[in-house]
């Protein structure tokens, strides 16, 4: 019976023999997919990060010179 390593080796040989013309195209598309994935991950991290100190927060303005309302 074949072990896992033998089957993996046979699969690699079959892929190389049958798809030798497609390997550069596959590698190129895998590289593009990796770059897209990295850029999208970076964009999501930047989106989730806290913004600069000038962030606008809604609320009520309180004048310190006037006594508080009851």
N, C-alpha and C. Protein backbone atom coordinates (compact mmCIF):
# COMPACT_ATOMS: atom_id res chain seq x y z
N UNK A 1 0.84 -1.17 0.00
CA UNK A 1 0.00 0.00 0.00
C UNK A 1 0.89 1.24 0.00
N UNK A 2 0.42 2.29 -0.66
CA UNK A 2 1.17 3.54 -0.72
C UNK A 2 0.96 4.36 0.55
N UNK A 3 2.02 5.02 0.97
CA UNK A 3 1.92 5.93 2.12
C UNK A 3 1.62 7.34 1.63
N UNK A 4 1.44 8.23 2.53
CA UNK A 4 1.09 9.61 2.19
C UNK A 4 2.22 10.29 1.43
N UNK A 5 3.45 10.05 1.81
CA UNK A 5 4.57 10.70 1.12
C UNK A 5 4.72 10.21 -0.32
N UNK A 6 4.47 8.91 -0.56
CA UNK A 6 4.55 8.39 -1.92
C UNK A 6 3.46 8.97 -2.80
N UNK A 7 2.25 9.06 -2.26
CA UNK A 7 1.14 9.63 -3.03
C UNK A 7 1.39 11.10 -3.34
N UNK A 8 1.94 11.84 -2.39
CA UNK A 8 2.25 13.25 -2.62
C UNK A 8 3.32 13.39 -3.71
N UNK A 9 4.32 12.53 -3.69
CA UNK A 9 5.37 12.58 -4.70
C UNK A 9 4.82 12.27 -6.09
N UNK A 10 3.96 11.26 -6.19
CA UNK A 10 3.33 10.90 -7.47
C UNK A 10 2.47 12.06 -7.96
N UNK A 11 1.72 12.68 -7.07
CA UNK A 11 0.87 13.82 -7.45
C UNK A 11 1.71 14.98 -7.96
N UNK A 12 2.82 15.27 -7.31
CA UNK A 12 3.70 16.35 -7.76
C UNK A 12 4.26 16.06 -9.14
N UNK A 13 4.69 14.81 -9.36
CA UNK A 13 5.24 14.44 -10.68
C UNK A 13 4.18 14.56 -11.76
N UNK A 14 2.96 14.11 -11.49
CA UNK A 14 1.87 14.20 -12.48
C UNK A 14 1.56 15.66 -12.78
N UNK A 15 1.52 16.50 -11.77
CA UNK A 15 1.23 17.92 -11.99
C UNK A 15 2.32 18.57 -12.84
N UNK A 16 3.57 18.26 -12.54
CA UNK A 16 4.68 18.84 -13.30
C UNK A 16 4.67 18.35 -14.74
N UNK A 17 4.45 17.06 -14.95
CA UNK A 17 4.49 16.50 -16.31
C UNK A 17 3.32 17.01 -17.15
N UNK A 18 2.12 16.99 -16.59
CA UNK A 18 0.94 17.38 -17.36
C UNK A 18 0.74 18.88 -17.44
N UNK A 19 1.22 19.61 -16.47
CA UNK A 19 0.95 21.03 -16.45
C UNK A 19 2.17 21.91 -16.55
N UNK A 20 3.21 21.45 -17.22
CA UNK A 20 4.46 22.20 -17.30
C UNK A 20 4.26 23.56 -17.97
N UNK A 21 3.35 23.65 -18.93
CA UNK A 21 3.10 24.92 -19.61
C UNK A 21 2.27 25.87 -18.75
N UNK A 22 1.50 25.33 -17.85
CA UNK A 22 0.62 26.15 -17.02
C UNK A 22 1.28 26.62 -15.73
N UNK A 23 2.43 26.06 -15.36
CA UNK A 23 3.05 26.40 -14.08
C UNK A 23 3.40 27.89 -13.94
N UNK A 24 4.00 28.54 -14.95
CA UNK A 24 4.28 29.98 -14.79
C UNK A 24 3.01 30.80 -14.60
N UNK A 25 1.98 30.45 -15.34
CA UNK A 25 0.70 31.17 -15.21
C UNK A 25 0.09 30.95 -13.82
N UNK A 26 0.18 29.73 -13.32
CA UNK A 26 -0.34 29.44 -11.99
C UNK A 26 0.44 30.18 -10.91
N UNK A 27 1.75 30.22 -11.05
CA UNK A 27 2.58 30.92 -10.08
C UNK A 27 2.28 32.42 -10.10
N UNK A 28 2.10 32.97 -11.29
CA UNK A 28 1.79 34.39 -11.43
C UNK A 28 0.45 34.72 -10.78
N UNK A 29 -0.55 33.91 -11.03
CA UNK A 29 -1.87 34.16 -10.45
C UNK A 29 -1.87 33.96 -8.93
N UNK A 30 -1.07 33.02 -8.45
CA UNK A 30 -0.95 32.83 -7.01
C UNK A 30 -0.28 34.05 -6.37
N UNK A 31 0.71 34.61 -7.02
CA UNK A 31 1.37 35.82 -6.52
C UNK A 31 0.42 37.01 -6.48
N UNK A 32 -0.39 37.15 -7.54
CA UNK A 32 -1.37 38.24 -7.57
C UNK A 32 -2.39 38.07 -6.45
N UNK A 33 -2.85 36.86 -6.25
CA UNK A 33 -3.84 36.60 -5.19
C UNK A 33 -3.25 36.90 -3.83
N UNK A 34 -1.98 36.56 -3.63
CA UNK A 34 -1.33 36.84 -2.35
C UNK A 34 -1.20 38.34 -2.12
N UNK A 35 -0.81 39.08 -3.16
CA UNK A 35 -0.69 40.53 -3.02
C UNK A 35 -2.04 41.18 -2.73
N UNK A 36 -3.10 40.73 -3.40
CA UNK A 36 -4.44 41.26 -3.16
C UNK A 36 -4.87 40.96 -1.73
N UNK A 37 -4.63 39.74 -1.29
CA UNK A 37 -5.00 39.35 0.07
C UNK A 37 -4.27 40.22 1.10
N UNK A 38 -2.98 40.44 0.90
CA UNK A 38 -2.21 41.26 1.83
C UNK A 38 -2.71 42.70 1.86
N UNK A 39 -3.01 43.26 0.68
CA UNK A 39 -3.48 44.65 0.65
C UNK A 39 -4.85 44.78 1.29
N UNK A 40 -5.73 43.81 1.09
CA UNK A 40 -7.05 43.86 1.72
C UNK A 40 -6.94 43.70 3.24
N UNK A 41 -6.04 42.84 3.69
CA UNK A 41 -5.84 42.67 5.12
C UNK A 41 -5.31 43.95 5.74
N UNK A 42 -4.37 44.60 5.06
CA UNK A 42 -3.83 45.87 5.55
C UNK A 42 -4.91 46.94 5.61
N UNK A 43 -5.76 47.00 4.58
CA UNK A 43 -6.85 47.98 4.57
C UNK A 43 -7.82 47.75 5.72
N UNK A 44 -8.13 46.50 6.01
CA UNK A 44 -9.03 46.21 7.12
C UNK A 44 -8.41 46.59 8.45
N UNK A 45 -7.11 46.36 8.62
CA UNK A 45 -6.44 46.74 9.86
C UNK A 45 -6.44 48.25 10.04
N UNK A 46 -6.20 48.99 8.94
CA UNK A 46 -6.21 50.45 9.02
C UNK A 46 -7.61 50.97 9.32
N UNK A 47 -8.61 50.31 8.79
CA UNK A 47 -9.99 50.72 9.01
C UNK A 47 -10.39 50.50 10.47
N UNK A 48 -9.92 49.45 11.10
CA UNK A 48 -10.27 49.13 12.47
C UNK A 48 -9.42 49.89 13.49
N UNK A 49 -8.31 50.45 13.06
CA UNK A 49 -7.41 51.16 13.98
C UNK A 49 -8.07 52.46 14.45
N UNK A 50 -7.78 52.88 15.67
CA UNK A 50 -8.34 54.14 16.15
C UNK A 50 -7.81 55.30 15.32
N UNK A 51 -8.65 56.29 15.11
CA UNK A 51 -8.24 57.41 14.26
C UNK A 51 -7.42 58.42 15.05
N UNK A 52 -7.05 59.47 14.39
CA UNK A 52 -6.21 60.51 14.97
C UNK A 52 -6.92 61.22 16.12
N UNK A 53 -6.17 61.98 16.95
CA UNK A 53 -6.77 62.63 18.10
C UNK A 53 -7.85 63.65 17.76
N UNK A 54 -7.95 64.10 16.54
CA UNK A 54 -8.94 65.10 16.16
C UNK A 54 -10.30 64.52 15.84
N UNK A 55 -10.62 63.40 16.35
CA UNK A 55 -11.89 62.73 16.07
C UNK A 55 -13.06 63.52 16.67
N UNK A 56 -14.14 63.66 15.93
CA UNK A 56 -15.31 64.40 16.39
C UNK A 56 -16.20 63.47 17.19
N UNK A 57 -16.57 63.94 18.39
CA UNK A 57 -17.45 63.17 19.26
C UNK A 57 -18.67 64.02 19.56
N UNK A 58 -19.85 63.45 19.35
CA UNK A 58 -21.07 64.22 19.62
C UNK A 58 -21.29 64.32 21.12
N UNK A 59 -21.84 65.45 21.54
CA UNK A 59 -22.10 65.65 22.96
C UNK A 59 -22.62 67.05 23.21
N UNK A 60 -22.63 67.46 24.46
CA UNK A 60 -23.11 68.78 24.84
C UNK A 60 -21.93 69.64 25.27
N UNK A 61 -21.93 70.89 24.79
CA UNK A 61 -20.88 71.82 25.15
C UNK A 61 -21.25 72.46 26.48
N UNK A 62 -20.33 72.48 27.42
CA UNK A 62 -20.57 73.05 28.74
C UNK A 62 -19.68 74.26 28.91
N UNK A 63 -20.29 75.40 29.24
CA UNK A 63 -19.54 76.62 29.48
C UNK A 63 -19.13 76.62 30.95
N UNK A 64 -17.87 76.72 31.23
CA UNK A 64 -17.38 76.64 32.61
C UNK A 64 -17.71 77.90 33.42
N UNK A 65 -17.96 79.01 32.74
CA UNK A 65 -18.23 80.27 33.44
C UNK A 65 -19.64 80.33 34.00
N UNK A 66 -20.56 79.58 33.45
CA UNK A 66 -21.95 79.60 33.91
C UNK A 66 -22.19 78.45 34.89
N UNK A 67 -23.05 78.69 35.89
CA UNK A 67 -23.37 77.60 36.80
C UNK A 67 -24.18 76.51 36.09
N UNK A 68 -24.04 75.27 36.50
CA UNK A 68 -24.78 74.19 35.85
C UNK A 68 -26.28 74.31 36.05
N UNK A 69 -27.05 73.85 35.04
CA UNK A 69 -28.51 73.86 35.14
C UNK A 69 -28.96 72.67 35.94
N UNK A 70 -30.06 72.88 36.71
CA UNK A 70 -30.60 71.77 37.49
C UNK A 70 -31.80 71.17 36.83
